[in-house]
Amino acid sequence: MEELLVSNLELSEFDLVTRSLEPFVNLELNQHLIRHCIQTFQPFEKSDQLMVLLNLKGEIVYINGAGCDQLGLSQQALIGSCWFTQFIPSEQRTEILMVFDNITNGTGELYSEYINDIVIHDNQQITYSWKNRFITNEMTQVTGVFSIGLGLKFF
């Protein structure tokens, strides 16, 4: 199995980058915020791995170009949609929601790794290997989750 990279970032750089994402997860989604996110997340656009930022409701706050390509949808169509109802197969949804709850409640490992299927635009299921990092505010409360996924079919 291909090793999951963190977009050529060292782990300490990954920490720094994920800490900078916190202001985005609680804001109302609007065109200005989306444009600002795209500018902030520009380094992630160079990666061929799916990168997604979810708020605590499981809504997509940001997804990179590779993620859009792999899911077969535009960034505009994806922002604000619920990751779990739109992309997690129904038979895996309960388990994945438990993993998400564990991460967002702080009971998951700091750098949690997980493997599960997602459903892409043509209803095809593809297995992904994930690295998940929770996003916290100054009071160390979890406010979102940043995930990097490697589609095992693509390699």
C-alpha atoms as a PDB file:
ATOM      1  CA  MET A   1       0.000   0.000   0.000  1.00  0.00           C
ATOM      2  CA  GLU A   2       1.249   3.470  -0.898  1.00  0.00           C
ATOM      3  CA  GLU A   3       2.219   5.477   2.176  1.00  0.00           C
ATOM      4  CA  LEU A   4      -0.070   8.388   2.915  1.00  0.00           C
ATOM      5  CA  LEU A   5       1.894  11.606   2.732  1.00  0.00           C
ATOM      6  CA  VAL A   6       1.021  14.904   4.337  1.00  0.00           C
ATOM      7  CA  SER A   7       1.359  16.900   1.121  1.00  0.00           C
ATOM      8  CA  ASN A   8       5.159  16.980   1.454  1.00  0.00           C
ATOM      9  CA  LEU A   9       4.822  18.774   4.811  1.00  0.00           C
ATOM     10  CA  GLU A  10       6.794  17.740   7.854  1.00  0.00           C
ATOM     11  CA  LEU A  11       4.566  16.787  10.790  1.00  0.00           C
ATOM     12  CA  SER A  12       5.428  20.015  12.649  1.00  0.00           C
ATOM     13  CA  GLU A  13       4.462  22.027   9.556  1.00  0.00           C
ATOM     14  CA  PHE A  14       1.219  20.033   9.366  1.00  0.00           C
ATOM     15  CA  ASP A  15       0.505  21.084  12.973  1.00  0.00           C
ATOM     16  CA  LEU A  16       1.150  24.723  12.120  1.00  0.00           C
ATOM     17  CA  VAL A  17      -1.032  24.624   9.026  1.00  0.00           C
ATOM     18  CA  THR A  18      -3.933  22.880  10.762  1.00  0.00           C
ATOM     19  CA  ARG A  19      -3.826  25.402  13.615  1.00  0.00           C
ATOM     20  CA  SER A  20      -4.269  28.167  11.031  1.00  0.00           C
ATOM     21  CA  LEU A  21      -7.508  26.535   9.789  1.00  0.00           C
ATOM     22  CA  GLU A  22      -9.486  27.054  13.003  1.00  0.00           C
ATOM     23  CA  PRO A  23     -11.008  30.456  12.097  1.00  0.00           C
ATOM     24  CA  PHE A  24     -12.694  28.922   9.064  1.00  0.00           C
ATOM     25  CA  VAL A  25     -14.693  26.106  10.610  1.00  0.00           C
ATOM     26  CA  ASN A  26     -17.271  28.170  12.524  1.00  0.00           C
ATOM     27  CA  LEU A  27     -17.924  30.932  10.031  1.00  0.00           C
ATOM     28  CA  GLU A  28     -21.001  31.108   7.854  1.00  0.00           C
ATOM     29  CA  LEU A  29     -20.194  29.940   4.353  1.00  0.00           C
ATOM     30  CA  ASN A  30     -20.302  32.755   1.825  1.00  0.00           C
ATOM     31  CA  GLN A  31     -18.493  33.712  -1.362  1.00  0.00           C
ATOM     32  CA  HIS A  32     -16.025  36.000   0.449  1.00  0.00           C
ATOM     33  CA  LEU A  33     -15.092  33.244   2.911  1.00  0.00           C
ATOM     34  CA  ILE A  34     -14.779  30.688   0.118  1.00  0.00           C
ATOM     35  CA  ARG A  35     -12.415  32.993  -1.825  1.00  0.00           C
ATOM     36  CA  HIS A  36     -10.372  33.605   1.355  1.00  0.00           C
ATOM     37  CA  CYS A  37     -10.221  29.854   2.040  1.00  0.00           C
ATOM     38  CA  ILE A  38      -9.010  29.186  -1.475  1.00  0.00           C
ATOM     39  CA  GLN A  39      -6.194  31.719  -1.011  1.00  0.00           C
ATOM     40  CA  THR A  40      -5.277  30.336   2.418  1.00  0.00           C
ATOM     41  CA  PHE A  41      -5.330  26.744   1.216  1.00  0.00           C
ATOM     42  CA  GLN A  42      -3.362  27.405  -1.988  1.00  0.00           C
ATOM     43  CA  PRO A  43      -0.478  25.115  -0.873  1.00  0.00           C
ATOM     44  CA  PHE A  44      -2.934  22.196  -0.690  1.00  0.00           C
ATOM     45  CA  GLU A  45      -3.870  22.648  -4.340  1.00  0.00           C
ATOM     46  CA  LYS A  46      -0.528  21.162  -5.396  1.00  0.00           C
ATOM     47  CA  SER A  47      -1.297  17.822  -3.751  1.00  0.00           C
ATOM     48  CA  ASP A  48      -2.800  14.871  -5.606  1.00  0.00           C
ATOM     49  CA  GLN A  49      -4.411  13.653  -2.370  1.00  0.00           C
ATOM     50  CA  LEU A  50      -7.947  14.532  -1.328  1.00  0.00           C
ATOM     51  CA  MET A  51      -7.853  17.202   1.401  1.00  0.00           C
ATOM     52  CA  VAL A  52     -11.046  18.223   3.155  1.00  0.00           C
ATOM     53  CA  LEU A  53     -11.896  20.460   6.115  1.00  0.00           C
ATOM     54  CA  LEU A  54     -15.144  19.644   7.928  1.00  0.00           C
ATOM     55  CA  ASN A  55     -16.900  21.657  10.602  1.00  0.00           C
ATOM     56  CA  LEU A  56     -18.499  19.930  13.600  1.00  0.00           C
ATOM     57  CA  LYS A  57     -21.717  19.379  11.631  1.00  0.00           C
ATOM     58  CA  GLY A  58     -19.757  17.388   9.041  1.00  0.00           C
ATOM     59  CA  GLU A  59     -20.185  20.087   6.386  1.00  0.00           C
ATOM     60  CA  ILE A  60     -17.409  20.627   3.890  1.00  0.00           C
ATOM     61  CA  VAL A  61     -15.745  23.969   4.592  1.00  0.00           C
ATOM     62  CA  TYR A  62     -12.879  23.400   2.153  1.00  0.00           C
ATOM     63  CA  ILE A  63     -11.859  20.730  -0.346  1.00  0.00           C
ATOM     64  CA  ASN A  64      -8.847  20.908  -2.626  1.00  0.00           C
ATOM     65  CA  GLY A  65      -8.803  20.524  -6.405  1.00  0.00           C
ATOM     66  CA  ALA A  66      -7.645  16.902  -6.275  1.00  0.00           C
ATOM     67  CA  GLY A  67     -10.598  16.112  -4.018  1.00  0.00           C
ATOM     68  CA  CYS A  68     -12.982  17.778  -6.454  1.00  0.00           C
ATOM     69  CA  ASP A  69     -11.466  15.828  -9.339  1.00  0.00           C
ATOM     70  CA  GLN A  70     -11.650  12.513  -7.488  1.00  0.00           C
ATOM     71  CA  LEU A  71     -15.254  13.106  -6.394  1.00  0.00           C
ATOM     72  CA  GLY A  72     -16.209  14.403  -9.839  1.00  0.00           C
ATOM     73  CA  LEU A  73     -17.830  17.608  -8.544  1.00  0.00           C
ATOM     74  CA  SER A  74     -16.884  21.285  -8.485  1.00  0.00           C
ATOM     75  CA  GLN A  75     -15.668  23.001  -5.353  1.00  0.00           C
ATOM     76  CA  GLN A  76     -18.735  25.240  -5.478  1.00  0.00           C
ATOM     77  CA  ALA A  77     -21.014  22.180  -5.491  1.00  0.00           C
ATOM     78  CA  LEU A  78     -19.153  20.573  -2.582  1.00  0.00           C
ATOM     79  CA  ILE A  79     -18.718  23.483  -0.138  1.00  0.00           C
ATOM     80  CA  GLY A  80     -21.467  23.336   2.491  1.00  0.00           C
ATOM     81  CA  SER A  81     -22.618  19.812   1.690  1.00  0.00           C
ATOM     82  CA  CYS A  82     -22.642  17.129   4.387  1.00  0.00           C
ATOM     83  CA  TRP A  83     -19.698  14.781   3.898  1.00  0.00           C
ATOM     84  CA  PHE A  84     -21.361  11.876   5.676  1.00  0.00           C
ATOM     85  CA  THR A  85     -24.690  11.836   3.841  1.00  0.00           C
ATOM     86  CA  GLN A  86     -23.241  12.619   0.428  1.00  0.00           C
ATOM     87  CA  PHE A  87     -20.028  10.566   0.311  1.00  0.00           C
ATOM     88  CA  ILE A  88     -20.066   7.839   2.961  1.00  0.00           C
ATOM     89  CA  PRO A  89     -21.831   4.611   1.919  1.00  0.00           C
ATOM     90  CA  SER A  90     -24.975   4.079   3.989  1.00  0.00           C
ATOM     91  CA  GLU A  91     -23.726   0.728   5.318  1.00  0.00           C
ATOM     92  CA  GLN A  92     -20.580   2.423   6.744  1.00  0.00           C
ATOM     93  CA  ARG A  93     -22.157   5.711   7.868  1.00  0.00           C
ATOM     94  CA  THR A  94     -22.833   4.775  11.520  1.00  0.00           C
ATOM     95  CA  GLU A  95     -19.268   3.542  12.013  1.00  0.00           C
ATOM     96  CA  ILE A  96     -17.733   6.600  10.322  1.00  0.00           C
ATOM     97  CA  LEU A  97     -19.915   8.980  12.343  1.00  0.00           C
ATOM     98  CA  MET A  98     -18.637   7.268  15.523  1.00  0.00           C
ATOM     99  CA  VAL A  99     -15.040   7.817  14.348  1.00  0.00           C
ATOM    100  CA  PHE A 100     -15.847  11.477  13.590  1.00  0.00           C
ATOM    101  CA  ASP A 101     -17.476  11.914  17.004  1.00  0.00           C
ATOM    102  CA  ASN A 102     -14.440  10.353  18.699  1.00  0.00           C
ATOM    103  CA  ILE A 103     -12.119  12.734  16.858  1.00  0.00           C
ATOM    104  CA  THR A 104     -14.247  15.823  17.512  1.00  0.00           C
ATOM    105  CA  ASN A 105     -14.795  14.928  21.177  1.00  0.00           C
ATOM    106  CA  GLY A 106     -11.057  14.589  21.659  1.00  0.00           C
ATOM    107  CA  THR A 107     -11.233  10.876  22.394  1.00  0.00           C
ATOM    108  CA  GLY A 108      -9.649   9.907  19.067  1.00  0.00           C
ATOM    109  CA  GLU A 109      -5.903   9.800  18.620  1.00  0.00           C
ATOM    110  CA  LEU A 110      -4.223  13.108  17.853  1.00  0.00           C
ATOM    111  CA  TYR A 111      -3.238  11.920  14.381  1.00  0.00           C
ATOM    112  CA  SER A 112      -5.944   9.370  13.772  1.00  0.00           C
ATOM    113  CA  GLU A 113      -5.606   7.109  10.765  1.00  0.00           C
ATOM    114  CA  TYR A 114      -8.549   5.315   9.251  1.00  0.00           C
ATOM    115  CA  ILE A 115      -9.535   3.379   6.123  1.00  0.00           C
ATOM    116  CA  ASN A 116     -13.043   3.525   4.674  1.00  0.00           C
ATOM    117  CA  ASP A 117     -14.919   3.742   1.397  1.00  0.00           C
ATOM    118  CA  ILE A 118     -16.393   6.866  -0.128  1.00  0.00           C
ATOM    119  CA  VAL A 119     -18.937   7.176  -2.912  1.00  0.00           C
ATOM    120  CA  ILE A 120     -17.896   9.265  -5.898  1.00  0.00           C
ATOM    121  CA  HIS A 121     -20.077  10.951  -8.533  1.00  0.00           C
ATOM    122  CA  ASP A 122     -20.913   7.805 -10.519  1.00  0.00           C
ATOM    123  CA  ASN A 123     -21.909   5.878  -7.344  1.00  0.00           C
ATOM    124  CA  GLN A 124     -18.655   3.932  -7.468  1.00  0.00           C
ATOM    125  CA  GLN A 125     -17.158   3.124  -4.052  1.00  0.00           C
ATOM    126  CA  ILE A 126     -13.439   3.690  -3.607  1.00  0.00           C
ATOM    127  CA  THR A 127     -11.412   2.784  -0.523  1.00  0.00           C
ATOM    128  CA  TYR A 128      -9.431   5.658   0.989  1.00  0.00           C
ATOM    129  CA  SER A 129      -6.711   5.701   3.609  1.00  0.00           C
ATOM    130  CA  TRP A 130      -7.118   8.801   5.820  1.00  0.00           C
ATOM    131  CA  LYS A 131      -5.061  10.900   8.178  1.00  0.00           C
ATOM    132  CA  ASN A 132      -7.327  13.039  10.360  1.00  0.00           C
ATOM    133  CA  ARG A 133      -6.294  15.999  12.473  1.00  0.00           C
ATOM    134  CA  PHE A 134      -8.721  17.856  14.661  1.00  0.00           C
ATOM    135  CA  ILE A 135      -8.716  21.647  14.587  1.00  0.00           C
ATOM    136  CA  THR A 136      -8.885  23.417  17.951  1.00  0.00           C
ATOM    137  CA  ASN A 137      -9.411  26.977  19.110  1.00  0.00           C
ATOM    138  CA  GLU A 138      -7.368  28.855  21.738  1.00  0.00           C
ATOM    139  CA  MET A 139      -9.274  27.057  24.511  1.00  0.00           C
ATOM    140  CA  THR A 140      -8.340  23.678  22.942  1.00  0.00           C
ATOM    141  CA  GLN A 141     -11.967  22.957  22.042  1.00  0.00           C
ATOM    142  CA  VAL A 142     -12.301  20.954  18.845  1.00  0.00           C
ATOM    143  CA  THR A 143     -13.932  23.050  16.115  1.00  0.00           C
ATOM    144  CA  GLY A 144     -13.407  20.896  13.026  1.00  0.00           C
ATOM    145  CA  VAL A 145     -11.463  18.109  11.361  1.00  0.00           C
ATOM    146  CA  PHE A 146      -8.903  18.327   8.567  1.00  0.00           C
ATOM    147  CA  SER A 147      -8.456  15.068   6.650  1.00  0.00           C
ATOM    148  CA  ILE A 148      -6.047  13.945   3.970  1.00  0.00           C
ATOM    149  CA  GLY A 149      -7.143  10.913   1.977  1.00  0.00           C
ATOM    150  CA  LEU A 150      -5.356   8.662  -0.444  1.00  0.00           C
ATOM    151  CA  GLY A 151      -7.658   6.822  -2.825  1.00  0.00           C
ATOM    152  CA  LEU A 152      -6.204   3.349  -3.000  1.00  0.00           C
ATOM    153  CA  LYS A 153      -7.648   2.809  -6.480  1.00  0.00           C
ATOM    154  CA  PHE A 154      -5.696   5.785  -7.828  1.00  0.00           C
ATOM    155  CA  PHE A 155      -2.270   4.291  -6.993  1.00  0.00           C
END
